Amino acid sequence: MSFSKDYQTALEIALGASSQQIIVEDEKAATRAIDFLKRNRLGRATFLPLTTIKARQLSPRNMELIQTSAGFLGIANDLVTYEHRFEQIFQNLLGVTAIFDTTEHAREAARKANYQVRMVTLDGTELRTGGSYAGGANRSQNTVFVKPELDSLKQEMQALDARLREAEQEVETKDNLLKQAQEYLASIQSQGEQARLEQQRAQLAYQQSQEQLQEIQELLEALKLELATDATQSLQEEQESLTEQLAAIELQKENLNRDIETMKSDKDVLQQKVQNLQEQLAELRLQQTEWLSQQSYEQTDARRLEETITQLEVEEHQLQLLIEQGDAQVQTVDVEQLANQLTQAQAKKTDLEQGIIRKRFELDDLEGLSLIHISEPTRLGMISYAVFCLKKQKANARLQPPRITCKDITIQVNKSA
């Protein structure tokens, strides 16, 4: 059997003398044990056969009353742990005893149950059926309930032994530390004089360092003042230089603005000139187209005249042969008529030759005009002069055979303009 230490006193009172009773397997075992005690005069004992002991339980009404009461901790057999085969035994011994926390709560529950239920509190006070009370203090001789206390005391003694050993180790450690401290103190005392000398030297060095630090700070302040003065003068000079540069930049800006305005006005003039040149270029291209057409026509007319002259030359040659031969066929022809035809053919030939000469002059002029190249920008004076020469060539070509040309003139116009 095992239980919580908190319920030790209450369970000890609940079991009472029953804790000394002996559990046996059956009635025969109980009988044999009693005979053994008799023969050996060993006293008396109570035996609990597993086959005859029956479980006891509270009535449902009383069970409901105490379960709803304040301070109820449980039925005694529910607060212990045991083997299952001993269930009937423990329910018989503890199944009708209720455990409460305090006497006041147990008394209130007992009044509700009309003192029909045995109750025990944690401090050992017993409220018996019928209304009697039992309690007080006595030294328990029950080994069942002394054993847990002994186990607890053994655990406490083991813990105390462990703490004692730790304390002894700690004392030993502190003794060692004390010895070390004493040795260190003796060492410090022996070094005390030297430490005081070192302290005096350190104080003297500290005073010297303070004086040097003060001198350095004064020097630093003087340098800062000098640097501030030099920096101010340098900044003023730099400001004046920047002001002069800014004025020069402003002047350049004004000059650039004037140049831009001038370029804008020149641009308008140039655009007007380019427009005029483009108009003149369109007129020249139109005239060039007309001259190319006229050149083609004149070439065709010249070829026709040459063919006519060739034919007349053939006829003239044939007529001269007829006149010279004077054969019978020619005698039938009127000589005077042939002579007139020859004269007319020669005159026509002369006219045709002169026309061919004129056509050739015109073709040469037209070919010269077709060689005029228009490509790059040029001045207005040259364009105007070129137009004048072209018009003059056209007029002379219509009036007379001699060739009149304008030498060494090339009109160049920028197509992109």
Protein backbone atom coordinates (compact mmCIF):
# COMPACT_ATOMS: atom_id res chain seq x y z
CA MET A 1 0.00 0.00 0.00
CA SER A 2 1.19 3.52 -0.83
CA PHE A 3 -0.30 6.97 -0.32
CA SER A 4 0.48 10.66 -0.27
CA LYS A 5 2.28 11.97 2.79
CA ASP A 6 -0.43 14.61 3.20
CA TYR A 7 -2.97 11.86 4.04
CA GLN A 8 -0.69 9.89 6.42
CA THR A 9 -2.30 10.94 9.73
CA ALA A 10 -5.86 10.71 8.41
CA LEU A 11 -5.33 7.20 6.97
CA GLU A 12 -3.58 6.04 10.12
CA ILE A 13 -6.65 7.01 12.22
CA ALA A 14 -9.01 5.58 9.59
CA LEU A 15 -7.35 2.17 9.73
CA GLY A 16 -6.74 2.22 13.46
CA ALA A 17 -5.95 -1.28 14.80
CA SER A 18 -6.86 -2.76 11.41
CA SER A 19 -3.44 -1.73 10.15
CA GLN A 20 -2.02 -4.61 12.30
CA GLN A 21 -4.33 -7.22 10.79
CA ILE A 22 -2.87 -9.92 8.55
CA ILE A 23 -4.17 -10.70 5.04
CA VAL A 24 -4.22 -14.41 4.14
CA GLU A 25 -5.31 -16.38 1.08
CA ASP A 26 -8.33 -18.21 2.55
CA GLU A 27 -9.97 -19.55 5.70
CA LYS A 28 -7.70 -22.58 5.93
CA ALA A 29 -4.65 -20.31 5.97
CA ALA A 30 -6.25 -18.28 8.76
CA THR A 31 -7.00 -21.44 10.75
CA ARG A 32 -3.45 -22.78 10.41
CA ALA A 33 -2.00 -19.43 11.51
CA ILE A 34 -4.23 -19.35 14.62
CA ASP A 35 -3.20 -22.93 15.52
CA PHE A 36 0.45 -21.92 15.17
CA LEU A 37 -0.03 -19.04 17.59
CA LYS A 38 -1.82 -21.30 20.09
CA ARG A 39 0.84 -23.99 20.05
CA ASN A 40 3.65 -21.55 20.46
CA ARG A 41 1.82 -19.23 22.85
CA LEU A 42 2.69 -16.23 20.65
CA GLY A 43 -0.38 -14.17 21.41
CA ARG A 44 -3.38 -13.20 19.32
CA ALA A 45 -3.83 -11.78 15.79
CA THR A 46 -6.63 -10.91 13.38
CA PHE A 47 -6.55 -12.53 9.95
CA LEU A 48 -8.35 -11.28 6.80
CA PRO A 49 -8.95 -14.14 4.30
CA LEU A 50 -9.31 -12.92 0.70
CA THR A 51 -12.09 -15.39 0.10
CA THR A 52 -14.38 -14.24 2.94
CA ILE A 53 -13.89 -10.46 3.34
CA LYS A 54 -16.55 -8.43 1.50
CA ALA A 55 -16.37 -4.78 0.36
CA ARG A 56 -18.37 -2.14 2.26
CA GLN A 57 -19.79 1.05 0.70
CA LEU A 58 -21.75 4.09 1.84
CA SER A 59 -25.39 4.38 0.90
CA PRO A 60 -26.05 6.49 -2.20
CA ARG A 61 -27.86 9.13 -0.13
CA ASN A 62 -25.01 9.57 2.34
CA MET A 63 -22.46 9.44 -0.48
CA GLU A 64 -24.25 12.30 -2.29
CA LEU A 65 -24.44 14.37 0.90
CA ILE A 66 -20.73 14.21 1.77
CA GLN A 67 -19.57 14.63 -1.86
CA THR A 68 -21.40 17.98 -2.02
CA SER A 69 -20.00 19.11 1.35
CA ALA A 70 -17.22 21.65 1.66
CA GLY A 71 -13.73 20.29 2.47
CA PHE A 72 -14.45 16.73 1.25
CA LEU A 73 -11.20 15.11 -0.01
CA GLY A 74 -12.45 11.62 -0.86
CA ILE A 75 -13.31 8.19 0.52
CA ALA A 76 -10.28 6.70 2.34
CA ASN A 77 -9.91 3.66 0.04
CA ASP A 78 -9.72 6.06 -3.00
CA LEU A 79 -6.72 7.88 -1.45
CA VAL A 80 -4.44 4.80 -1.28
CA THR A 81 -2.85 2.67 -4.01
CA TYR A 82 -2.82 -1.12 -3.72
CA GLU A 83 -2.80 -4.30 -5.77
CA HIS A 84 -6.06 -5.17 -7.48
CA ARG A 85 -6.44 -8.53 -5.66
CA PHE A 86 -6.59 -6.63 -2.34
CA GLU A 87 -9.50 -4.43 -3.48
CA GLN A 88 -12.12 -6.20 -1.32
CA ILE A 89 -9.89 -5.88 1.75
CA PHE A 90 -9.29 -2.14 1.46
CA GLN A 91 -12.91 -1.39 0.54
CA ASN A 92 -13.92 -3.31 3.66
CA LEU A 93 -11.51 -1.42 5.91
CA LEU A 94 -11.68 2.06 4.35
CA GLY A 95 -14.76 2.08 2.09
CA VAL A 96 -17.07 3.69 4.67
CA THR A 97 -14.66 6.37 6.02
CA ALA A 98 -14.69 9.90 4.52
CA ILE A 99 -11.63 12.19 4.68
CA PHE A 100 -12.08 15.97 5.21
CA ASP A 101 -9.58 18.81 5.40
CA THR A 102 -10.76 20.42 8.69
CA THR A 103 -12.87 19.55 11.66
CA GLU A 104 -15.39 22.34 10.93
CA HIS A 105 -16.10 20.98 7.43
CA ALA A 106 -16.31 17.42 8.80
CA ARG A 107 -18.78 18.54 11.49
CA GLU A 108 -21.06 20.27 8.97
CA ALA A 109 -21.03 17.17 6.72
CA ALA A 110 -21.71 14.87 9.73
CA ARG A 111 -24.75 16.93 10.70
CA LYS A 112 -26.09 16.62 7.14
CA ALA A 113 -25.60 12.84 7.26
CA ASN A 114 -27.07 12.69 10.79
CA TYR A 115 -23.79 11.20 12.08
CA GLN A 116 -24.27 8.02 10.07
CA VAL A 117 -20.87 8.24 8.35
CA ARG A 118 -17.46 7.90 9.98
CA MET A 119 -15.24 10.93 9.12
CA VAL A 120 -11.53 11.68 9.75
CA THR A 121 -9.69 15.00 9.20
CA LEU A 122 -6.12 15.58 8.06
CA ASP A 123 -5.02 16.41 11.63
CA GLY A 124 -6.36 13.04 12.95
CA THR A 125 -9.70 14.15 14.45
CA GLU A 126 -12.28 11.32 14.16
CA LEU A 127 -16.06 11.85 13.99
CA ARG A 128 -17.54 8.40 14.66
CA THR A 129 -20.99 7.17 13.77
CA GLY A 130 -23.44 7.97 16.52
CA GLY A 131 -21.88 11.38 17.18
CA SER A 132 -18.75 10.65 19.25
CA TYR A 133 -15.49 12.52 18.63
CA ALA A 134 -11.93 11.20 19.08
CA GLY A 135 -8.69 13.08 18.77
CA GLY A 136 -5.57 14.39 20.44
CA ALA A 137 -1.86 13.58 20.08
CA ASN A 138 -0.05 10.27 20.65
CA ARG A 139 3.08 8.66 19.32
CA SER A 140 2.20 6.20 16.66
CA GLN A 141 3.57 2.66 16.97
CA ASN A 142 2.09 1.57 13.63
CA THR A 143 4.92 0.44 11.37
CA VAL A 144 2.71 0.86 8.29
CA PHE A 145 2.55 4.59 8.83
CA VAL A 146 5.94 5.00 10.55
CA LYS A 147 7.79 3.57 7.52
CA PRO A 148 7.00 6.53 5.21
CA GLU A 149 8.07 8.90 7.97
CA LEU A 150 11.27 6.91 8.43
CA ASP A 151 11.90 7.00 4.68
CA SER A 152 11.36 10.75 4.71
CA LEU A 153 13.70 11.18 7.66
CA LYS A 154 16.33 9.02 5.92
CA GLN A 155 16.07 11.21 2.81
CA GLU A 156 16.41 14.33 4.98
CA MET A 157 19.46 12.82 6.72
CA GLN A 158 21.03 11.99 3.35
CA ALA A 159 20.36 15.54 2.15
CA LEU A 160 21.86 16.91 5.40
CA ASP A 161 24.91 14.66 4.97
CA ALA A 162 25.36 15.94 1.43
CA ARG A 163 25.02 19.53 2.61
CA LEU A 164 27.48 18.81 5.47
CA ARG A 165 30.03 17.45 3.01
CA GLU A 166 29.52 20.49 0.75
CA ALA A 167 29.92 22.78 3.79
CA GLU A 168 33.12 20.97 4.83
CA GLN A 169 34.49 21.33 1.30
CA GLU A 170 33.48 24.99 1.28
CA VAL A 171 35.21 25.53 4.67
CA GLU A 172 38.33 23.83 3.39
CA THR A 173 38.24 25.99 0.26
CA LYS A 174 37.78 29.13 2.34
CA ASP A 175 40.67 28.10 4.60
CA ASN A 176 42.87 27.78 1.53
CA LEU A 177 41.68 31.16 0.31
CA LEU A 178 42.35 32.66 3.74
CA LYS A 179 45.89 31.30 3.70
CA GLN A 180 46.42 32.68 0.20
CA ALA A 181 44.99 36.03 1.28
CA GLN A 182 47.29 36.14 4.29
CA GLU A 183 50.28 35.35 2.11
CA TYR A 184 49.17 38.00 -0.41
CA LEU A 185 48.69 40.53 2.43
CA ALA A 186 52.21 39.85 3.68
CA SER A 187 53.49 40.30 0.14
CA ILE A 188 51.58 43.56 -0.20
CA GLN A 189 52.91 44.82 3.13
CA SER A 190 56.44 44.03 2.00
CA GLN A 191 55.79 45.86 -1.26
CA GLY A 192 53.98 48.78 0.39
CA GLU A 193 57.05 51.02 0.65
CA GLN A 194 57.97 50.44 -2.97
CA ALA A 195 54.34 51.13 -3.99
CA ARG A 196 54.39 54.45 -2.11
CA LEU A 197 57.59 55.45 -3.91
CA GLU A 198 56.01 54.47 -7.21
CA GLN A 199 52.95 56.53 -6.29
CA GLN A 200 55.06 59.60 -5.59
CA ARG A 201 56.87 59.22 -8.91
CA ALA A 202 53.54 58.75 -10.68
CA GLN A 203 52.13 61.92 -9.06
CA LEU A 204 55.18 63.90 -10.14
CA ALA A 205 54.89 62.58 -13.70
CA TYR A 206 51.17 63.41 -13.65
CA GLN A 207 51.87 67.03 -12.62
CA GLN A 208 54.48 67.35 -15.37
CA SER A 209 52.02 65.89 -17.90
CA GLN A 210 49.36 68.38 -16.78
CA GLU A 211 51.76 71.28 -17.28
CA GLN A 212 52.73 69.99 -20.73
CA LEU A 213 49.06 69.51 -21.60
CA GLN A 214 48.27 73.09 -20.61
CA GLU A 215 51.14 74.40 -22.76
CA ILE A 216 49.95 72.30 -25.71
CA GLN A 217 46.38 73.59 -25.29
CA GLU A 218 47.60 77.21 -25.28
CA LEU A 219 49.65 76.52 -28.41
CA LEU A 220 46.65 74.87 -30.03
CA GLU A 221 44.43 77.88 -29.31
CA ALA A 222 47.04 80.19 -30.85
CA LEU A 223 47.28 77.98 -33.95
CA LYS A 224 43.47 77.89 -34.26
CA LEU A 225 43.34 81.69 -34.10
CA GLU A 226 46.08 82.01 -36.72
CA LEU A 227 44.43 79.47 -38.98
CA ALA A 228 41.08 81.24 -38.64
CA THR A 229 42.69 84.55 -39.70
CA ASP A 230 44.49 82.98 -42.68
CA ALA A 231 41.37 81.10 -43.70
CA THR A 232 39.30 84.31 -43.64
CA GLN A 233 41.80 86.13 -45.86
CA SER A 234 42.01 83.17 -48.24
CA LEU A 235 38.23 82.98 -48.48
CA GLN A 236 38.01 86.71 -49.27
CA GLU A 237 40.59 86.35 -52.06
CA GLU A 238 38.81 83.33 -53.44
CA GLN A 239 35.49 85.20 -53.29
CA GLU A 240 36.96 88.13 -55.26
CA SER A 241 38.38 85.72 -57.85
CA LEU A 242 35.03 84.00 -58.20
CA THR A 243 33.29 87.36 -58.55
CA GLU A 244 35.62 88.32 -61.41
CA GLN A 245 35.06 84.96 -63.08
CA LEU A 246 31.31 85.39 -62.70
CA ALA A 247 31.47 88.85 -64.34
CA ALA A 248 33.51 87.42 -67.25
CA ILE A 249 30.97 84.62 -67.64
CA GLU A 250 28.12 87.15 -67.68
CA LEU A 251 29.93 89.13 -70.39
CA GLN A 252 30.44 85.98 -72.44
CA LYS A 253 26.77 85.15 -71.94
CA GLU A 254 25.74 88.56 -73.31
CA ASN A 255 28.06 88.17 -76.32
CA LEU A 256 26.65 84.72 -76.98
CA ASN A 257 23.10 86.05 -76.79
CA ARG A 258 23.95 88.78 -79.32
CA ASP A 259 25.59 86.21 -81.57
CA ILE A 260 22.52 84.04 -81.32
CA GLU A 261 20.25 86.93 -82.27
CA THR A 262 22.54 87.78 -85.19
CA MET A 263 22.54 84.18 -86.33
CA LYS A 264 18.75 84.10 -86.11
CA SER A 265 18.47 87.20 -88.35
CA ASP A 266 21.12 85.82 -90.78
CA LYS A 267 19.23 82.59 -90.83
CA ASP A 268 16.07 84.39 -92.00
CA VAL A 269 18.04 86.14 -94.78
CA LEU A 270 19.69 82.90 -95.83
CA GLN A 271 16.36 81.11 -95.87
CA GLN A 272 14.98 83.82 -98.16
CA LYS A 273 18.01 83.50 -100.46
CA VAL A 274 17.69 79.73 -100.47
CA GLN A 275 14.01 80.07 -101.41
CA ASN A 276 14.91 82.41 -104.29
CA LEU A 277 17.61 80.04 -105.47
CA GLN A 278 15.18 77.13 -105.32
CA GLU A 279 12.71 79.08 -107.49
CA GLN A 280 15.46 79.94 -110.02
CA LEU A 281 16.63 76.32 -109.92
CA ALA A 282 13.10 75.12 -110.74
CA GLU A 283 12.98 77.60 -113.68
CA LEU A 284 16.40 76.41 -114.93
CA ARG A 285 15.30 72.79 -114.70
CA LEU A 286 12.17 73.63 -116.70
CA GLN A 287 14.27 75.43 -119.35
CA GLN A 288 16.69 72.52 -119.41
CA THR A 289 13.79 70.17 -120.12
CA GLU A 290 12.61 72.44 -122.97
CA TRP A 291 16.14 72.63 -124.42
CA LEU A 292 16.53 68.87 -124.24
CA SER A 293 13.26 68.45 -126.16
CA GLN A 294 14.37 71.07 -128.75
CA GLN A 295 17.75 69.33 -129.05
CA SER A 296 16.03 66.03 -129.83
CA TYR A 297 13.85 67.74 -132.44
CA GLU A 298 16.83 69.51 -134.06
CA GLN A 299 18.81 66.27 -134.19
CA THR A 300 15.92 64.54 -135.94
CA ASP A 301 15.57 67.45 -138.42
CA ALA A 302 19.33 67.45 -139.11
CA ARG A 303 19.28 63.73 -139.89
CA ARG A 304 16.34 64.27 -142.23
CA LEU A 305 18.21 67.06 -144.08
CA GLU A 306 21.33 64.97 -144.39
CA GLU A 307 19.29 62.15 -145.91
CA THR A 308 17.70 64.61 -148.34
CA ILE A 309 21.14 65.99 -149.36
CA THR A 310 22.43 62.48 -149.88
CA GLN A 311 19.46 61.71 -152.11
CA LEU A 312 19.97 64.93 -154.08
CA GLU A 313 23.64 64.17 -154.53
CA VAL A 314 22.71 60.78 -155.94
CA GLU A 315 20.20 62.37 -158.32
CA GLU A 316 22.75 65.04 -159.32
CA HIS A 317 25.32 62.40 -160.07
CA GLN A 318 22.84 60.47 -162.14
CA LEU A 319 21.88 63.59 -164.10
CA GLN A 320 25.50 64.44 -164.87
CA LEU A 321 26.08 60.91 -166.11
CA LEU A 322 23.11 61.17 -168.41
CA ILE A 323 24.27 64.50 -169.80
CA GLU A 324 27.81 63.32 -170.42
CA GLN A 325 26.93 60.03 -171.98
CA GLY A 326 24.49 61.51 -174.44
CA ASP A 327 23.14 58.07 -175.24
CA ALA A 328 19.88 57.48 -177.02
CA GLN A 329 17.87 57.45 -173.88
CA VAL A 330 19.10 60.88 -172.85
CA GLN A 331 18.47 62.35 -176.35
CA THR A 332 14.80 61.74 -175.83
CA VAL A 333 14.91 63.90 -172.79
CA ASP A 334 14.81 67.64 -172.89
CA VAL A 335 18.32 68.83 -172.10
CA GLU A 336 17.16 72.25 -170.96
CA GLN A 337 14.71 70.67 -168.57
CA LEU A 338 17.45 68.49 -167.11
CA ALA A 339 19.70 71.48 -166.66
CA ASN A 340 16.96 73.34 -164.80
CA GLN A 341 16.43 70.35 -162.54
CA LEU A 342 20.16 70.18 -161.86
CA THR A 343 20.31 73.86 -160.98
CA GLN A 344 17.33 73.57 -158.67
CA ALA A 345 18.83 70.49 -157.01
CA GLN A 346 22.14 72.29 -156.47
CA ALA A 347 20.40 75.31 -154.96
CA LYS A 348 18.33 73.09 -152.70
CA LYS A 349 21.50 71.26 -151.70
CA THR A 350 23.16 74.55 -150.78
CA ASP A 351 20.18 75.59 -148.69
CA LEU A 352 20.10 72.25 -147.00
CA GLU A 353 23.83 72.38 -146.24
CA GLN A 354 23.42 75.84 -144.67
CA GLY A 355 20.45 74.53 -142.62
CA ILE A 356 22.54 71.59 -141.47
CA ILE A 357 25.32 73.97 -140.40
CA ARG A 358 22.83 76.03 -138.38
CA LYS A 359 21.35 72.89 -136.81
CA ARG A 360 24.80 71.69 -135.85
CA PHE A 361 25.55 75.04 -134.15
CA GLU A 362 22.26 74.82 -132.26
CA LEU A 363 22.98 71.23 -131.26
CA ASP A 364 26.39 72.24 -129.97
CA ASP A 365 24.82 75.03 -127.92
CA LEU A 366 22.16 72.69 -126.56
CA GLU A 367 24.76 70.09 -125.69
CA GLY A 368 26.73 72.80 -123.82
CA LEU A 369 23.61 73.75 -121.91
CA SER A 370 22.88 70.14 -121.01
CA LEU A 371 26.32 69.94 -119.42
CA ILE A 372 25.43 72.60 -116.78
CA HIS A 373 25.62 70.82 -113.37
CA ILE A 374 23.56 71.95 -110.40
CA SER A 375 24.97 70.56 -107.17
CA GLU A 376 26.57 72.88 -104.55
CA PRO A 377 25.61 76.28 -102.98
CA THR A 378 26.71 79.33 -104.93
CA ARG A 379 26.33 83.05 -104.86
CA LEU A 380 23.31 84.86 -106.21
CA GLY A 381 25.34 86.91 -108.65
CA MET A 382 26.67 83.83 -110.46
CA ILE A 383 23.19 82.30 -110.68
CA SER A 384 21.74 85.49 -112.13
CA TYR A 385 24.62 85.76 -114.63
CA ALA A 386 24.18 82.11 -115.62
CA VAL A 387 20.45 82.63 -116.24
CA PHE A 388 21.26 85.71 -118.38
CA CYS A 389 23.74 83.72 -120.50
CA LEU A 390 21.28 80.86 -121.00
CA LYS A 391 18.58 83.20 -122.20
CA LYS A 392 21.04 84.91 -124.54
CA GLN A 393 22.16 81.57 -126.00
CA LYS A 394 18.56 80.60 -126.63
CA ALA A 395 17.84 83.87 -128.46
CA ASN A 396 21.03 83.72 -130.62
CA ALA A 397 20.41 80.08 -131.47
CA ARG A 398 17.10 81.05 -133.03
CA LEU A 399 18.40 84.07 -134.93
CA GLN A 400 21.73 83.02 -136.49
CA PRO A 401 24.00 80.02 -137.00
CA PRO A 402 27.14 81.35 -135.20
CA ARG A 403 27.54 79.90 -131.68
CA ILE A 404 27.41 82.33 -128.78
CA THR A 405 28.21 80.73 -125.36
CA CYS A 406 29.04 81.80 -121.86
CA LYS A 407 32.41 80.30 -121.05
CA ASP A 408 33.59 78.80 -117.78
CA ILE A 409 30.27 79.04 -115.90
CA THR A 410 29.09 76.26 -113.54
CA ILE A 411 25.91 76.75 -111.54
CA GLN A 412 26.06 74.86 -108.24
CA VAL A 413 23.10 74.77 -105.89
CA ASN A 414 22.86 72.72 -102.72
CA LYS A 415 19.96 70.34 -103.24
CA SER A 416 19.41 70.07 -99.51
CA ALA A 417 18.86 73.83 -99.24
